[in-house]
N, C-alpha and C. Protein backbone atom coordinates (compact mmCIF):
# COMPACT_ATOMS: atom_id res chain seq x y z
N MET A 1 111.34 99.19 69.67
CA MET A 1 111.85 99.27 70.99
C MET A 1 111.63 100.60 71.62
N LYS A 2 111.73 100.63 72.99
CA LYS A 2 111.34 102.09 73.64
C LYS A 2 112.61 102.71 73.79
N HIS A 3 112.33 103.97 74.51
CA HIS A 3 113.85 104.26 74.81
C HIS A 3 113.75 104.89 75.88
N CYS A 4 114.30 104.97 76.49
CA CYS A 4 114.71 106.01 77.97
C CYS A 4 116.22 106.45 78.15
N LEU A 5 116.10 107.53 78.56
CA LEU A 5 117.03 108.48 78.79
C LEU A 5 117.16 109.21 80.03
N VAL A 6 118.60 108.57 80.75
CA VAL A 6 119.24 108.07 82.01
C VAL A 6 119.80 109.48 82.14
N VAL A 7 119.15 110.27 83.08
CA VAL A 7 120.33 111.48 83.40
C VAL A 7 120.43 111.84 84.95
N ASP A 8 121.75 111.56 84.86
CA ASP A 8 122.60 111.43 86.40
C ASP A 8 123.92 111.80 85.99
N ASP A 9 124.11 112.45 87.39
CA ASP A 9 125.74 112.97 87.39
C ASP A 9 126.83 112.08 87.09
N SER A 10 125.92 110.85 88.26
CA SER A 10 126.82 109.54 88.25
C SER A 10 127.45 108.82 87.04
N ALA A 11 128.43 108.32 86.67
CA ALA A 11 128.60 107.90 85.69
C ALA A 11 128.47 106.30 86.47
N VAL A 12 128.68 105.69 87.33
CA VAL A 12 128.33 104.28 87.94
C VAL A 12 127.18 104.83 88.01
N ILE A 13 125.82 104.95 88.01
CA ILE A 13 124.66 105.55 88.39
C ILE A 13 123.99 105.01 86.81
N ARG A 14 124.61 105.92 85.90
CA ARG A 14 124.13 105.92 84.42
C ARG A 14 124.76 104.12 84.08
N LYS A 15 125.57 103.83 84.24
CA LYS A 15 126.00 102.58 84.17
C LYS A 15 125.11 101.45 84.56
N VAL A 16 124.61 101.42 85.78
CA VAL A 16 123.79 100.43 86.33
C VAL A 16 122.35 100.51 85.87
N ALA A 17 121.85 102.00 85.39
CA ALA A 17 120.67 101.87 85.15
C ALA A 17 120.20 101.10 83.19
N ARG A 18 121.75 101.52 82.94
CA ARG A 18 121.66 101.09 81.36
C ARG A 18 121.35 99.78 81.31
N ARG A 19 122.48 99.20 82.22
CA ARG A 19 122.51 97.49 82.29
C ARG A 19 121.52 97.18 82.56
N ILE A 20 120.91 97.67 83.30
CA ILE A 20 118.96 96.73 83.65
C ILE A 20 118.49 97.79 82.83
N LEU A 21 117.96 98.74 82.39
CA LEU A 21 117.15 98.93 80.40
C LEU A 21 117.43 97.68 79.79
N ASP A 22 118.53 97.34 79.48
CA ASP A 22 119.15 96.68 78.63
C ASP A 22 118.37 95.50 78.50
N GLU A 23 118.71 94.96 79.83
CA GLU A 23 117.62 93.96 79.89
C GLU A 23 116.20 93.76 80.09
N LEU A 24 115.61 95.05 80.16
CA LEU A 24 114.09 95.41 79.66
C LEU A 24 113.74 95.73 78.18
N ASN A 25 115.03 95.85 77.50
CA ASN A 25 114.80 95.77 76.25
C ASN A 25 114.29 97.33 75.87
N PHE A 26 115.23 98.23 76.65
CA PHE A 26 114.96 99.39 76.09
C PHE A 26 116.21 99.81 75.24
N THR A 27 115.95 100.54 74.34
CA THR A 27 117.74 101.22 74.04
C THR A 27 117.68 102.37 75.11
N THR A 28 118.74 102.93 75.39
CA THR A 28 119.10 103.88 76.29
C THR A 28 119.94 105.35 75.65
N SER A 29 119.83 106.26 76.23
CA SER A 29 120.86 107.05 76.47
C SER A 29 121.25 107.76 77.13
N GLU A 30 122.31 108.95 77.23
CA GLU A 30 122.91 109.20 78.80
C GLU A 30 122.94 110.93 78.83
N ALA A 31 122.78 110.84 80.21
CA ALA A 31 123.06 112.48 79.76
C ALA A 31 123.30 112.75 81.36
N GLU A 32 124.67 113.83 81.45
CA GLU A 32 125.20 113.71 82.67
C GLU A 32 124.41 115.22 83.75
N ASN A 33 123.86 115.27 83.31
CA ASN A 33 123.17 117.19 83.65
C ASN A 33 121.51 117.29 82.98
N GLY A 34 120.76 118.16 83.82
CA GLY A 34 119.65 118.74 82.68
C GLY A 34 119.88 119.36 81.59
N PHE A 35 120.75 120.35 80.88
CA PHE A 35 120.80 120.74 80.46
C PHE A 35 121.54 120.21 79.09
N ASP A 36 122.04 118.97 79.02
CA ASP A 36 122.33 118.14 78.07
C ASP A 36 121.12 117.15 77.73
N ALA A 37 120.74 116.94 79.16
CA ALA A 37 119.08 115.56 78.42
C ALA A 37 118.22 116.72 77.68
N LEU A 38 118.15 118.19 77.92
CA LEU A 38 116.69 118.73 77.38
C LEU A 38 117.58 118.51 75.51
N ASP A 39 118.69 119.00 75.92
CA ASP A 39 119.10 119.45 74.57
C ASP A 39 118.89 118.15 73.42
N GLN A 40 119.15 116.66 74.32
CA GLN A 40 118.74 115.23 73.68
C GLN A 40 117.37 114.91 73.28
N CYS A 41 116.76 115.77 74.01
CA CYS A 41 114.87 115.51 74.21
C CYS A 41 114.44 116.40 72.74
N ARG A 42 115.27 117.33 72.54
CA ARG A 42 115.02 118.52 72.18
C ARG A 42 115.26 117.72 70.17
N THR A 43 115.84 116.80 70.48
CA THR A 43 116.85 116.24 69.09
C THR A 43 115.85 114.85 68.87
N SER A 44 114.98 114.09 69.71
CA SER A 44 114.97 113.12 70.20
C SER A 44 113.78 112.82 71.28
N MET A 45 112.63 112.77 71.30
CA MET A 45 111.79 112.53 72.52
C MET A 45 112.27 111.43 72.85
N PRO A 46 112.36 110.78 73.89
CA PRO A 46 112.53 109.66 74.49
C PRO A 46 110.92 108.90 74.95
N ASP A 47 110.82 107.43 75.25
CA ASP A 47 109.81 107.14 75.49
C ASP A 47 109.59 107.24 77.47
N ALA A 48 111.15 107.83 77.97
CA ALA A 48 110.72 107.51 79.49
C ALA A 48 112.22 108.24 79.84
N VAL A 49 112.00 108.53 81.00
CA VAL A 49 113.41 109.52 81.80
C VAL A 49 113.33 109.04 82.74
N LEU A 50 114.58 108.72 82.94
CA LEU A 50 115.01 107.99 84.59
C LEU A 50 115.61 109.50 85.11
N LEU A 51 115.61 109.83 86.11
CA LEU A 51 115.95 111.60 85.95
C LEU A 51 116.35 111.68 87.54
N ASP A 52 117.50 111.69 87.91
CA ASP A 52 118.50 112.40 89.23
C ASP A 52 117.86 113.56 89.33
N TRP A 53 118.17 113.84 90.53
CA TRP A 53 117.40 115.05 91.31
C TRP A 53 118.59 116.22 91.04
N ASN A 54 119.39 115.97 91.91
CA ASN A 54 121.18 116.63 92.37
C ASN A 54 121.25 116.52 91.10
N MET A 55 121.71 117.64 90.37
CA MET A 55 123.11 117.67 89.06
C MET A 55 123.01 118.95 89.29
N PRO A 56 124.74 119.39 88.50
CA PRO A 56 124.74 120.58 88.25
C PRO A 56 124.12 120.98 86.70
N GLU A 57 124.59 122.25 87.21
CA GLU A 57 123.97 123.19 85.93
C GLU A 57 122.34 123.24 85.86
N MET A 58 122.36 121.84 85.95
CA MET A 58 120.39 122.67 85.53
C MET A 58 120.03 121.08 86.55
N ASP A 59 119.11 121.29 87.63
CA ASP A 59 118.78 119.95 88.31
C ASP A 59 117.87 119.19 87.52
N GLY A 60 117.15 118.57 88.56
CA GLY A 60 116.07 117.51 87.87
C GLY A 60 114.89 118.31 88.02
N ILE A 61 114.64 119.01 88.97
CA ILE A 61 113.24 119.56 89.05
C ILE A 61 113.41 120.79 87.85
N ALA A 62 114.36 121.38 87.77
CA ALA A 62 114.60 122.43 86.81
C ALA A 62 114.76 122.01 85.04
N PHE A 63 114.91 120.98 85.13
CA PHE A 63 114.90 120.13 83.96
C PHE A 63 113.41 119.53 83.44
N LEU A 64 112.92 118.96 84.51
CA LEU A 64 111.08 118.50 84.16
C LEU A 64 110.53 119.87 83.91
N VAL A 65 110.40 120.84 84.37
CA VAL A 65 109.57 121.83 83.89
C VAL A 65 110.11 122.34 82.79
N ALA A 66 111.18 121.82 82.20
CA ALA A 66 111.54 122.58 80.62
C ALA A 66 110.57 121.79 80.30
N LEU A 67 111.17 120.42 80.24
CA LEU A 67 110.99 119.71 79.80
C LEU A 67 109.36 119.48 79.38
N ARG A 68 108.59 119.81 80.14
CA ARG A 68 106.91 119.55 80.28
C ARG A 68 106.44 120.43 79.40
N LYS A 69 107.42 121.59 78.87
CA LYS A 69 106.86 123.11 78.24
C LYS A 69 107.70 122.71 76.78
N GLU A 70 108.58 121.65 76.25
CA GLU A 70 108.94 121.46 75.10
C GLU A 70 107.60 121.04 74.10
N SER A 71 107.65 120.53 72.68
CA SER A 71 106.76 120.35 72.16
C SER A 71 106.73 118.73 72.23
N GLY A 72 106.15 117.54 72.97
CA GLY A 72 105.82 116.75 73.00
C GLY A 72 106.36 115.78 74.25
N GLY A 73 106.63 117.04 75.23
CA GLY A 73 107.27 116.95 76.46
C GLY A 73 106.31 116.54 77.12
N GLN A 74 105.31 116.67 77.19
CA GLN A 74 104.02 115.64 77.78
C GLN A 74 104.57 114.16 78.02
N GLU A 75 104.58 113.76 76.77
CA GLU A 75 104.62 112.34 76.47
C GLU A 75 106.04 110.97 77.35
N PRO A 76 106.92 111.49 77.69
CA PRO A 76 107.68 111.05 78.12
C PRO A 76 107.48 110.72 79.39
N LYS A 77 107.22 108.88 79.90
CA LYS A 77 106.92 108.92 81.51
C LYS A 77 109.02 109.43 82.12
N VAL A 78 108.17 109.81 83.05
CA VAL A 78 109.50 110.65 83.51
C VAL A 78 109.24 109.79 85.36
N ILE A 79 110.39 109.35 85.71
CA ILE A 79 110.91 108.92 86.92
C ILE A 79 111.76 109.40 87.57
N PHE A 80 111.59 109.92 88.74
CA PHE A 80 112.64 110.24 89.92
C PHE A 80 113.85 109.46 90.09
N CYS A 81 114.31 109.28 90.02
CA CYS A 81 115.50 107.93 90.81
C CYS A 81 116.52 108.89 91.57
N THR A 82 116.35 109.40 93.20
CA THR A 82 117.64 110.04 94.02
C THR A 82 117.12 109.20 95.07
N THR A 83 118.22 110.18 96.04
CA THR A 83 118.06 110.03 97.49
C THR A 83 117.47 110.83 98.16
N GLU A 84 116.87 111.93 97.57
CA GLU A 84 115.79 112.43 98.29
C GLU A 84 114.75 111.94 98.76
N ASN A 85 114.07 111.78 100.11
CA ASN A 85 113.18 111.02 99.94
C ASN A 85 111.93 111.40 100.91
N ASP A 86 111.77 112.48 101.39
CA ASP A 86 110.91 113.46 102.43
C ASP A 86 109.65 113.55 101.18
N VAL A 87 108.88 113.82 102.22
CA VAL A 87 107.53 113.90 101.48
C VAL A 87 107.29 115.35 100.59
N GLU A 88 108.09 117.03 101.32
CA GLU A 88 108.56 117.47 100.22
C GLU A 88 108.95 117.18 99.40
N HIS A 89 109.35 116.35 98.83
CA HIS A 89 110.47 116.57 97.64
C HIS A 89 109.78 116.01 96.80
N ILE A 90 108.63 114.26 97.22
CA ILE A 90 107.91 113.87 96.77
C ILE A 90 107.26 114.79 95.75
N ALA A 91 106.35 115.64 96.63
CA ALA A 91 105.10 116.19 96.34
C ALA A 91 105.72 117.40 95.05
N ARG A 92 107.05 117.89 95.24
CA ARG A 92 107.42 118.89 94.36
C ARG A 92 107.74 118.32 92.95
N ALA A 93 108.16 116.81 93.21
CA ALA A 93 108.48 116.20 91.98
C ALA A 93 107.34 115.75 91.00
N ILE A 94 105.59 115.37 91.32
CA ILE A 94 104.69 115.13 91.01
C ILE A 94 103.91 116.32 90.52
N SER A 95 104.54 117.46 91.19
CA SER A 95 103.55 118.46 90.73
C SER A 95 104.44 119.33 89.58
N ALA A 96 105.26 119.23 89.82
CA ALA A 96 106.14 119.02 88.22
C ALA A 96 106.05 118.80 87.25
N GLY A 97 105.49 116.99 87.08
CA GLY A 97 105.11 116.52 86.28
C GLY A 97 105.70 115.33 86.23
N ALA A 98 106.46 114.66 87.37
CA ALA A 98 107.30 113.42 87.08
C ALA A 98 105.75 112.14 87.75
N ASN A 99 106.15 110.87 86.81
CA ASN A 99 104.69 110.26 86.80
C ASN A 99 105.03 109.18 88.24
N GLU A 100 106.56 108.90 88.45
CA GLU A 100 106.71 108.06 89.25
C GLU A 100 108.58 108.41 90.24
N TYR A 101 108.57 107.32 91.22
CA TYR A 101 109.23 108.44 92.17
C TYR A 101 110.24 107.25 92.70
N ILE A 102 111.42 106.77 92.83
CA ILE A 102 112.30 105.76 92.74
C ILE A 102 113.31 106.35 94.02
N MET A 103 113.87 105.59 94.86
CA MET A 103 115.18 105.74 95.82
C MET A 103 116.02 105.33 95.07
N LYS A 104 116.97 105.75 95.15
CA LYS A 104 118.43 104.93 95.33
C LYS A 104 118.67 104.18 96.88
N PRO A 105 119.91 103.38 96.72
CA PRO A 105 120.25 102.65 95.43
C PRO A 105 118.77 101.95 94.79
N PHE A 106 118.69 101.54 93.98
CA PHE A 106 117.66 100.58 93.54
C PHE A 106 118.11 99.72 92.83
N ASP A 107 117.24 98.66 92.28
CA ASP A 107 117.77 96.91 91.36
C ASP A 107 116.60 96.87 90.06
N ARG A 108 116.91 95.85 89.43
CA ARG A 108 115.88 95.35 88.65
C ARG A 108 114.65 95.62 88.59
N GLU A 109 114.22 95.05 90.28
CA GLU A 109 112.74 94.84 90.58
C GLU A 109 112.17 96.08 90.55
N ILE A 110 113.28 97.01 91.43
CA ILE A 110 112.19 98.24 91.55
C ILE A 110 112.22 98.91 90.08
N ILE A 111 113.01 98.72 89.17
CA ILE A 111 112.63 99.70 87.88
C ILE A 111 111.92 99.19 87.31
N GLU A 112 111.82 97.97 87.10
CA GLU A 112 110.53 97.05 86.87
C GLU A 112 108.99 97.60 87.14
N THR A 113 109.36 97.27 88.03
CA THR A 113 107.57 97.79 88.86
C THR A 113 107.51 98.82 88.16
N LYS A 114 108.26 99.70 88.92
CA LYS A 114 107.76 101.27 88.40
C LYS A 114 107.29 101.12 86.68
N PHE A 115 108.49 100.73 86.00
CA PHE A 115 108.43 100.97 84.53
C PHE A 115 106.75 100.69 84.20
N GLN A 116 106.31 99.07 85.12
CA GLN A 116 104.68 98.37 84.85
C GLN A 116 103.87 99.69 85.02
N GLU A 117 104.25 100.31 86.35
CA GLU A 117 103.19 101.04 87.11
C GLU A 117 102.77 102.27 86.36
N VAL A 118 103.31 102.90 85.21
CA VAL A 118 103.30 103.80 84.37
C VAL A 118 103.37 103.27 82.89
N GLY A 119 103.43 102.22 82.84
CA GLY A 119 102.74 101.86 81.29
C GLY A 119 103.91 101.73 80.03
N LEU A 120 104.71 101.73 80.84
CA LEU A 120 106.06 101.37 79.96
C LEU A 120 106.21 99.93 79.73
N LEU A 121 105.81 99.06 80.58
CA LEU A 121 106.34 97.89 80.27
C LEU A 121 104.68 96.76 80.29
């Protein structure tokens, strides 16, 4: 079973994502900021990361840059999941190492499609 780390400062978003990922047969873990997420990745690298952009302490871009420098940090498929929708933000995310980008609010169909596109399903 594949593992997805959901990184978002909103408990509601993490809960919704967990429910969808459970339906897609993923094990899930959660982090509310980039620091916590990085610690979890150092302990056990996930197959996928569903990543928010705007978070306290360490935002999504800073986390992604740090993740990609970790041993094994190139392996997880990282899907940004955010309200930031302008071309500049999307370009920054992709150049920092994101595999895909989805907008909030999201639903199962959107997550399933993006996970298929990056080879997770």
